[in-house]
Protein backbone atom coordinates (compact mmCIF):
# COMPACT_ATOMS: atom_id res chain seq x y z
CA MET A 1 5.65 -14.63 -101.24
CA THR A 2 4.94 -11.81 -102.79
CA GLY A 3 3.14 -10.29 -99.38
CA GLU A 4 6.37 -11.14 -97.47
CA THR A 5 8.71 -8.95 -100.42
CA ALA A 6 6.24 -6.41 -100.15
CA ASN A 7 6.66 -6.24 -96.25
CA ALA A 8 10.82 -6.61 -96.57
CA ALA A 9 10.26 -3.31 -98.97
CA ASP A 10 8.07 -1.43 -97.28
CA THR A 11 10.36 -1.85 -93.83
CA ARG A 12 13.39 -0.95 -95.93
CA ALA A 13 11.66 1.94 -97.34
CA ASP A 14 10.75 2.90 -93.70
CA ASP A 15 14.26 2.24 -92.34
CA ALA A 16 15.70 4.94 -94.80
CA ARG A 17 13.28 7.61 -94.19
CA GLU A 18 13.84 7.03 -90.38
CA SER A 19 18.13 6.83 -90.48
CA PRO A 20 19.77 10.13 -92.08
CA GLY A 21 21.56 10.15 -95.09
CA ILE A 22 25.51 10.14 -95.10
CA ASP A 23 25.32 14.07 -96.10
CA ASP A 24 23.22 14.83 -93.19
CA SER A 25 25.58 12.95 -90.95
CA LEU A 26 28.35 14.83 -92.06
CA ARG A 27 26.90 17.99 -91.66
CA ALA A 28 25.60 17.48 -88.16
CA LEU A 29 29.24 15.98 -87.48
CA ASN A 30 30.67 19.79 -88.77
CA ALA A 31 28.03 21.22 -87.07
CA ALA A 32 28.82 19.29 -83.87
CA ARG A 33 32.73 20.31 -84.48
CA ARG A 34 32.32 24.30 -84.88
CA GLU A 35 29.95 23.98 -81.56
CA THR A 36 32.87 22.29 -80.03
CA VAL A 37 35.76 24.48 -81.52
CA GLY A 38 33.65 27.20 -80.62
CA ALA A 39 33.40 26.22 -77.37
CA ALA A 40 36.60 25.88 -76.76
CA LEU A 41 37.95 29.34 -77.97
CA GLY A 42 35.23 30.70 -75.34
CA THR A 43 37.12 28.94 -72.61
CA GLY A 44 40.61 29.87 -73.87
CA ARG A 45 39.23 33.69 -74.32
CA ALA A 46 37.82 33.42 -70.42
CA LEU A 47 40.82 31.51 -69.32
CA ARG A 48 43.05 34.32 -70.71
CA SER A 49 41.01 37.13 -69.47
CA LEU A 50 41.37 35.23 -66.00
CA VAL A 51 44.85 35.47 -66.50
CA VAL A 52 45.45 38.66 -67.48
CA ALA A 53 43.00 39.73 -63.98
CA ASP A 54 44.86 37.44 -61.46
CA PHE A 55 48.11 39.27 -63.43
CA ALA A 56 47.04 42.94 -62.63
CA LEU A 57 45.80 42.12 -59.06
CA ALA A 58 49.17 40.59 -58.68
CA ARG A 59 50.90 43.26 -59.70
CA SER A 60 49.27 46.05 -57.87
CA ALA A 61 49.33 44.08 -54.88
CA LEU A 62 53.06 43.43 -55.08
CA ALA A 63 53.56 47.16 -55.25
CA ARG A 64 51.78 47.75 -52.34
CA ALA A 65 53.49 44.95 -50.65
CA LEU A 66 56.57 46.43 -51.79
CA VAL A 67 55.65 49.87 -50.31
CA TRP A 68 54.41 48.31 -47.10
CA THR A 69 58.03 46.60 -46.44
CA ALA A 70 59.47 49.74 -47.01
CA VAL A 71 57.75 51.33 -44.25
CA ALA A 72 58.11 48.49 -42.15
CA ILE A 73 62.28 48.16 -42.62
CA ILE A 74 62.12 51.86 -42.01
CA PHE A 75 60.19 51.72 -39.02
CA GLY A 76 61.95 48.45 -37.66
CA ALA A 77 65.58 50.07 -38.48
CA SER A 78 64.62 53.35 -36.24
CA ALA A 79 62.73 50.76 -33.80
CA TRP A 80 66.08 48.74 -33.17
CA LEU A 81 68.17 51.49 -33.61
CA LEU A 82 66.38 53.28 -30.11
CA LEU A 83 66.28 49.91 -28.54
CA MET A 84 70.13 49.61 -29.15
CA ALA A 85 70.47 53.34 -27.74
CA VAL A 86 68.72 52.11 -24.54
CA LEU A 87 70.49 48.87 -24.00
CA ILE A 88 74.13 50.87 -24.40
CA ALA A 89 72.43 53.07 -21.96
CA PHE A 90 71.54 50.92 -19.69
CA LEU A 91 74.48 49.05 -19.43
CA GLN A 92 76.87 52.03 -19.25
CA ALA A 93 74.71 53.18 -15.89
CA THR A 94 75.36 49.77 -14.54
CA GLY A 95 78.79 50.31 -14.74
CA LEU A 96 80.60 49.46 -17.95
CA SER A 97 82.59 51.93 -20.07
CA TRP A 98 81.01 53.38 -23.09
CA LEU A 99 83.10 50.81 -25.24
CA ALA A 100 82.00 47.93 -23.67
CA SER A 101 78.63 49.11 -24.00
CA ILE A 102 78.47 49.94 -27.42
CA ALA A 103 80.76 46.42 -28.20
CA LEU A 104 77.93 44.36 -26.47
CA GLY A 105 75.59 46.51 -28.74
CA ALA A 106 77.27 45.43 -31.79
CA LEU A 107 77.72 41.83 -30.84
CA LEU A 108 73.76 41.39 -30.18
CA SER A 109 73.44 43.32 -33.56
CA LEU A 110 75.94 40.68 -35.44
CA VAL A 111 74.09 37.72 -33.45
CA VAL A 112 71.01 38.51 -35.19
CA THR A 113 72.36 39.29 -38.08
CA ALA A 114 73.85 36.11 -38.69
CA VAL A 115 70.75 34.08 -37.73
CA ALA A 116 68.68 36.29 -40.20
CA ALA A 117 71.32 35.38 -42.54
CA TRP A 118 71.41 31.59 -42.22
CA ARG A 119 67.57 31.48 -42.30
CA VAL A 120 67.20 33.45 -45.51
CA THR A 121 69.93 30.75 -47.44
CA VAL A 122 67.74 28.13 -45.94
CA PHE A 123 64.62 29.97 -47.62
CA PHE A 124 66.54 30.70 -50.95
CA GLU A 125 67.40 26.94 -51.50
CA HIS A 126 63.35 26.25 -51.76
CA THR A 127 63.10 29.06 -54.89
CA GLY A 128 65.19 26.75 -56.96
CA MET A 129 61.60 24.42 -57.33
CA GLN A 130 64.01 20.98 -57.01
CA ALA A 131 60.73 18.56 -56.84
CA THR A 132 59.18 20.49 -59.94
CA ARG A 133 62.48 20.32 -61.90
CA ARG A 134 62.67 16.48 -60.75
CA GLN A 135 59.49 15.84 -62.10
CA LEU A 136 59.83 17.66 -65.26
CA ALA A 137 62.88 15.95 -65.90
CA ARG A 138 61.26 12.74 -65.60
CA PHE A 139 59.18 13.73 -68.66
CA GLY A 140 62.18 15.10 -70.61
CA ILE A 141 61.94 18.71 -70.17
CA GLY A 142 64.27 20.98 -68.72
CA ASP A 143 67.00 18.42 -68.01
CA ASP A 144 69.87 20.42 -70.10
CA ASP A 145 71.86 20.78 -66.92
CA ASP A 146 75.97 19.74 -67.66
CA ASP A 147 76.63 18.67 -64.23
CA GLU A 148 74.13 15.51 -65.05
CA ALA A 149 75.80 14.15 -68.27
CA GLY A 150 77.86 11.75 -68.43
CA ASN A 151 81.24 10.89 -69.60
CA ASP A 152 80.38 10.44 -73.11
CA GLY A 153 78.18 13.26 -73.63
CA ASP A 154 74.81 11.40 -73.10
CA LYS A 155 72.27 12.58 -70.26
CA VAL A 156 72.12 10.68 -66.76
CA PRO A 157 68.49 9.03 -66.80
CA ALA A 158 65.98 10.68 -63.81
CA PRO A 159 66.02 8.00 -61.02
């Protein structure tokens, strides 16, 4: 029996040498925490620099787009005016009076303006981001519209 007791004591001593103590485990856990926090901070810094660079690129692209939009508007307007002058001259040459020719050119311009205004209103409806607002309202974020409030002031639940 004493031999078995000695073997059991040796086995426990081997286990104690192989398994780290609580202080070693806490040190390892603390080191892992530091590495994780450091990696998260590094990822955050990288993401921040990416966002800053992306906004700088977007700002530059927006400025260039506005310049080219202005050029397109200027040349488009001058082309439209010249086209209307040609149309009016053609209508006048076919026997219509100057007044009737100019009126038809103006009518054509008004029709194009009305169609463009209609399309603008359709596209501006998309800028309200209604689907995003509905999803955020489901999470309880940004649903402070007065028109959704009930009679007693409570919010109406999202569908």
